[in-house]
Protein backbone atom coordinates (compact mmCIF):
# COMPACT_ATOMS: atom_id res chain seq x y z
CA UNK A 1 -12.78 94.50 -82.39
CA UNK A 2 -12.03 96.01 -79.15
CA UNK A 3 -12.88 94.84 -76.14
CA UNK A 4 -12.31 96.80 -72.72
CA UNK A 5 -12.26 94.83 -69.63
CA UNK A 6 -12.83 96.49 -66.19
CA UNK A 7 -12.46 95.32 -62.81
CA UNK A 8 -13.72 96.80 -59.41
CA UNK A 9 -10.60 99.20 -59.02
CA UNK A 10 -11.59 102.64 -58.08
CA UNK A 11 -8.31 103.90 -60.25
CA UNK A 12 -9.97 102.90 -63.78
CA UNK A 13 -12.38 105.83 -63.43
CA UNK A 14 -10.19 108.02 -61.30
CA UNK A 15 -7.03 107.51 -64.10
CA UNK A 16 -9.24 106.76 -67.01
CA UNK A 17 -7.90 103.22 -68.30
CA UNK A 18 -9.22 99.25 -68.56
CA UNK A 19 -7.73 96.72 -66.66
CA UNK A 20 -7.34 94.79 -69.91
CA UNK A 21 -7.98 95.36 -73.15
CA UNK A 22 -8.31 92.74 -76.04
CA UNK A 23 -8.08 93.13 -79.96
CA UNK A 24 -8.54 89.94 -81.87
CA UNK A 25 -5.77 87.43 -80.43
CA UNK A 26 -4.00 89.56 -78.31
CA UNK A 27 -4.84 90.60 -74.85
CA UNK A 28 -2.54 93.29 -72.29
CA UNK A 29 -3.27 93.52 -68.47
CA UNK A 30 -2.66 96.69 -66.71
CA UNK A 31 -0.28 97.20 -64.05
CA UNK A 32 -1.84 95.45 -61.44
CA UNK A 33 -0.80 95.38 -57.66
CA UNK A 34 -2.12 93.19 -54.45
CA UNK A 35 -5.04 95.43 -53.91
CA UNK A 36 -8.17 93.98 -53.01
CA UNK A 37 -11.62 96.25 -52.16
CA UNK A 38 -8.97 99.00 -51.28
CA UNK A 39 -6.53 97.32 -49.42
CA UNK A 40 -3.14 95.78 -50.01
CA UNK A 41 -2.86 92.30 -49.35
CA UNK A 42 0.79 90.91 -48.34
CA UNK A 43 2.12 94.46 -46.65
CA UNK A 44 5.83 93.39 -46.16
CA UNK A 45 5.54 90.28 -48.41
CA UNK A 46 6.78 90.69 -51.83
CA UNK A 47 6.24 86.93 -52.66
CA UNK A 48 2.52 87.32 -51.34
CA UNK A 49 1.88 90.67 -53.29
CA UNK A 50 3.50 88.92 -56.58
CA UNK A 51 1.24 85.64 -56.25
CA UNK A 52 -2.26 88.32 -55.54
CA UNK A 53 -1.28 90.68 -58.44
CA UNK A 54 -0.97 87.78 -60.91
CA UNK A 55 -4.30 86.14 -59.46
CA UNK A 56 -5.87 89.28 -60.09
CA UNK A 57 -3.94 90.32 -63.48
CA UNK A 58 -4.94 86.43 -65.20
CA UNK A 59 -8.76 86.83 -63.79
CA UNK A 60 -9.06 90.08 -66.25
CA UNK A 61 -7.19 88.11 -68.80
CA UNK A 62 -9.77 85.07 -68.30
CA UNK A 63 -12.71 87.88 -68.49
CA UNK A 64 -11.16 88.70 -72.18
CA UNK A 65 -11.43 84.98 -73.02
CA UNK A 66 -7.53 83.91 -72.37
CA UNK A 67 -6.12 81.84 -69.67
CA UNK A 68 -2.13 81.73 -68.20
CA UNK A 69 -1.21 79.22 -71.10
CA UNK A 70 -1.66 82.42 -73.42
CA UNK A 71 0.82 84.67 -71.74
CA UNK A 72 3.50 85.60 -73.78
CA UNK A 73 5.19 88.34 -71.65
CA UNK A 74 5.15 89.59 -68.20
CA UNK A 75 6.54 92.76 -66.38
CA UNK A 76 7.22 92.90 -62.73
CA UNK A 77 7.93 96.15 -61.24
CA UNK A 78 9.52 96.11 -57.80
CA UNK A 79 10.50 98.97 -55.06
CA UNK A 80 13.57 96.65 -54.22
CA UNK A 81 15.29 94.26 -56.11
CA UNK A 82 16.46 92.15 -53.25
CA UNK A 83 13.00 90.84 -53.73
CA UNK A 84 13.80 89.31 -56.48
CA UNK A 85 13.61 85.02 -55.56
CA UNK A 86 10.25 86.10 -53.63
CA UNK A 87 8.98 87.73 -56.58
CA UNK A 88 10.49 85.07 -59.14
CA UNK A 89 9.60 82.18 -56.97
CA UNK A 90 6.02 83.33 -57.19
CA UNK A 91 6.13 84.04 -60.89
CA UNK A 92 7.71 80.33 -61.29
CA UNK A 93 4.49 78.84 -59.66
CA UNK A 94 2.30 80.53 -62.05
CA UNK A 95 4.15 80.47 -65.11
CA UNK A 96 6.66 77.76 -65.27
CA UNK A 97 4.99 75.25 -67.57
CA UNK A 98 4.13 78.34 -69.97
CA UNK A 99 7.64 80.35 -70.01
CA UNK A 100 6.76 83.53 -71.23
CA UNK A 101 9.14 85.92 -71.55
CA UNK A 102 9.46 88.21 -68.35
CA UNK A 103 11.41 91.33 -67.36
CA UNK A 104 11.64 92.65 -63.94
CA UNK A 105 13.01 96.09 -62.76
CA UNK A 106 13.36 98.29 -59.61
CA UNK A 107 11.27 101.17 -59.46
CA UNK A 108 11.63 104.49 -57.17
CA UNK A 109 7.99 103.93 -56.12
CA UNK A 110 4.47 102.73 -56.65
CA UNK A 111 0.98 104.07 -56.48
CA UNK A 112 0.72 103.46 -52.81
CA UNK A 113 3.70 102.90 -50.12
CA UNK A 114 2.79 99.68 -49.33
CA UNK A 115 2.88 98.04 -52.77
CA UNK A 116 6.06 96.11 -53.40
CA UNK A 117 5.19 94.46 -56.97
CA UNK A 118 3.53 95.78 -59.88
CA UNK A 119 2.73 93.54 -62.55
CA UNK A 120 1.72 93.39 -66.25
CA UNK A 121 0.56 90.92 -68.98
CA UNK A 122 0.72 90.50 -72.25
CA UNK A 123 -1.25 87.38 -74.14
CA UNK A 124 -1.83 85.84 -77.18
CA UNK A 125 -4.23 83.14 -78.51
CA UNK A 126 -3.84 81.69 -81.83
CA UNK A 127 -6.96 81.79 -84.01
């Protein structure tokens, strides 16, 4: 059975998506930025934006009944690959014990110019 998980993001209604979707033993969390109540958190700070974005993504994952230990894949989209160390440091602090497969790529831009990082999570829980 499919379960759609929403968040307070205004983008969900504008674009027509869910923050996360769980089907059976798998869950996927949509691209998530460090945007809280319409404001970008950590402007100019890739480490802080990564930490906040993963926090928001993990909250959506928790709403699906899963936690960080169920994460099998992360994706990090950065506007400047020179932020690799800071983004990687935040990722390690959150997922070091789990060690999901991870991808980080540089993109031209994200939804707002203040966004430095956008993250995604895929998770699996054994039945």
